[in-house]
């Protein structure tokens, strides 16, 4: 005989986990979906506005439009990367100042756990800044 009372909470928890996992994956994919839809709409609207006489001219105009869209996306990505770099370097400066204050408060026999945590946070942030400066994420 199966005791359904004992199995039911486990099943509900599994269902909740699956639902949460689905929602998280959907939310993380949402910006890419929206950007892709916007690009297709832009290409479609530009394609409908002009009616070139030959397929070669149409293809050439579509290539130019796609190139323009790609350049605009690259420009926006660079602007976003620059903003993130500024924000991260400001945070890095703040963290290093905090680390200096913590170190000034300690002596040669006492090493605070906060000092180690700050140093690790600075290290992670510095690595992130370095990767963003290279153009990688």
Protein backbone atom coordinates (compact mmCIF):
# COMPACT_ATOMS: atom_id res chain seq x y z
CA UNK A 1 0.00 0.00 0.00
CA UNK A 2 1.33 3.43 -0.98
CA UNK A 3 1.07 6.26 1.47
CA UNK A 4 0.09 9.23 -0.72
CA UNK A 5 0.54 11.75 2.05
CA UNK A 6 4.25 11.08 2.17
CA UNK A 7 4.70 11.21 -1.63
CA UNK A 8 2.62 14.29 -2.26
CA UNK A 9 4.93 16.95 -0.73
CA UNK A 10 7.86 15.54 -2.70
CA UNK A 11 5.87 15.66 -5.94
CA UNK A 12 4.73 19.21 -5.23
CA UNK A 13 8.30 20.29 -4.51
CA UNK A 14 9.53 18.69 -7.74
CA UNK A 15 6.78 20.40 -9.72
CA UNK A 16 7.62 23.72 -8.11
CA UNK A 17 11.30 23.26 -8.94
CA UNK A 18 10.49 22.42 -12.55
CA UNK A 19 8.21 25.44 -12.85
CA UNK A 20 10.83 27.71 -11.31
CA UNK A 21 13.52 26.32 -13.61
CA UNK A 22 11.27 26.89 -16.64
CA UNK A 23 10.50 30.46 -15.59
CA UNK A 24 14.16 31.27 -14.94
CA UNK A 25 15.25 29.90 -18.31
CA UNK A 26 12.45 31.79 -20.06
CA UNK A 27 13.30 35.07 -18.32
CA UNK A 28 17.00 34.71 -19.14
CA UNK A 29 16.20 34.15 -22.84
CA UNK A 30 13.71 37.02 -23.06
CA UNK A 31 16.19 39.84 -23.95
CA UNK A 32 17.62 37.83 -26.85
CA UNK A 33 14.14 37.02 -28.15
CA UNK A 34 13.05 40.66 -28.00
CA UNK A 35 16.19 41.90 -29.74
CA UNK A 36 15.78 39.33 -32.51
CA UNK A 37 12.12 40.27 -33.05
CA UNK A 38 12.99 43.98 -33.21
CA UNK A 39 15.65 43.36 -35.86
CA UNK A 40 13.24 41.32 -37.98
CA UNK A 41 10.54 44.00 -37.68
CA UNK A 42 13.00 46.70 -38.68
CA UNK A 43 14.18 44.74 -41.70
CA UNK A 44 10.60 43.94 -42.73
CA UNK A 45 9.41 47.54 -42.39
CA UNK A 46 12.37 48.90 -44.35
CA UNK A 47 11.90 46.22 -46.99
CA UNK A 48 8.22 47.15 -47.41
CA UNK A 49 8.88 50.88 -47.75
CA UNK A 50 11.17 50.64 -50.75
CA UNK A 51 10.43 48.72 -53.91
CA UNK A 52 13.58 48.47 -56.06
CA UNK A 53 13.25 47.41 -59.64
CA UNK A 54 15.60 44.44 -59.69
CA UNK A 55 16.30 41.60 -57.24
CA UNK A 56 19.98 42.56 -57.23
CA UNK A 57 19.17 46.10 -56.10
CA UNK A 58 16.80 44.72 -53.46
CA UNK A 59 19.49 42.35 -52.18
CA UNK A 60 22.03 45.17 -52.13
CA UNK A 61 19.67 47.42 -50.13
CA UNK A 62 18.90 44.60 -47.69
CA UNK A 63 22.63 43.99 -47.23
CA UNK A 64 23.15 47.70 -46.53
CA UNK A 65 20.26 47.71 -44.05
CA UNK A 66 21.60 44.62 -42.30
CA UNK A 67 25.05 46.21 -42.17
CA UNK A 68 23.55 49.37 -40.67
CA UNK A 69 21.67 47.34 -38.05
CA UNK A 70 24.79 45.37 -37.17
CA UNK A 71 26.83 48.57 -36.82
CA UNK A 72 24.14 50.07 -34.59
CA UNK A 73 24.06 46.95 -32.42
CA UNK A 74 27.85 47.00 -32.15
CA UNK A 75 27.77 50.67 -31.18
CA UNK A 76 25.15 50.01 -28.51
CA UNK A 77 27.13 47.04 -27.18
CA UNK A 78 30.25 49.21 -26.95
CA UNK A 79 28.34 51.94 -25.13
CA UNK A 80 26.96 49.37 -22.68
CA UNK A 81 30.42 47.87 -22.18
CA UNK A 82 31.83 51.34 -21.53
CA UNK A 83 29.13 52.08 -18.94
CA UNK A 84 29.81 48.74 -17.22
CA UNK A 85 33.56 49.46 -17.21
CA UNK A 86 32.99 52.85 -15.61
CA UNK A 87 30.65 51.37 -13.00
CA UNK A 88 33.04 48.49 -12.24
CA UNK A 89 36.12 50.72 -11.98
CA UNK A 90 34.25 53.07 -9.63
CA UNK A 91 33.32 50.05 -7.51
CA UNK A 92 36.92 48.82 -7.68
CA UNK A 93 38.18 52.16 -6.37
CA UNK A 94 35.64 52.06 -3.55
CA UNK A 95 36.63 48.51 -2.60
CA UNK A 96 40.35 49.31 -2.59
CA UNK A 97 39.73 52.30 -0.34
CA UNK A 98 37.71 50.09 2.02
CA UNK A 99 40.47 47.47 1.96
CA UNK A 100 43.06 50.12 2.83
CA UNK A 101 40.93 51.24 5.79
CA UNK A 102 40.57 47.64 7.04
CA UNK A 103 44.31 47.03 6.72
CA UNK A 104 45.10 50.27 8.54
CA UNK A 105 42.94 49.09 11.47
CA UNK A 106 44.77 45.76 11.83
CA UNK A 107 48.30 45.03 13.03
CA UNK A 108 50.87 42.38 12.09
CA UNK A 109 49.30 39.76 14.37
CA UNK A 110 45.66 40.24 13.35
CA UNK A 111 44.30 39.57 9.88
CA UNK A 112 40.60 40.22 9.59
CA UNK A 113 38.32 37.91 7.65
CA UNK A 114 36.79 41.04 6.12
CA UNK A 115 40.19 41.96 4.66
CA UNK A 116 40.41 38.59 2.91
CA UNK A 117 36.84 38.87 1.59
CA UNK A 118 37.48 42.39 0.28
CA UNK A 119 40.67 41.26 -1.43
CA UNK A 120 38.84 38.36 -3.11
CA UNK A 121 36.04 40.66 -4.24
CA UNK A 122 38.59 43.11 -5.66
CA UNK A 123 40.31 40.25 -7.47
CA UNK A 124 37.05 39.05 -9.08
CA UNK A 125 36.06 42.57 -10.08
CA UNK A 126 39.51 43.33 -11.49
CA UNK A 127 39.38 40.17 -13.59
CA UNK A 128 35.91 41.16 -14.86
CA UNK A 129 37.17 44.64 -15.79
CA UNK A 130 40.15 43.13 -17.59
CA UNK A 131 37.89 40.82 -19.64
CA UNK A 132 35.53 43.67 -20.52
CA UNK A 133 38.46 45.80 -21.65
CA UNK A 134 39.49 42.98 -23.96
CA UNK A 135 35.96 42.94 -25.33
CA UNK A 136 35.03 39.52 -23.86
CA UNK A 137 32.25 38.80 -21.43
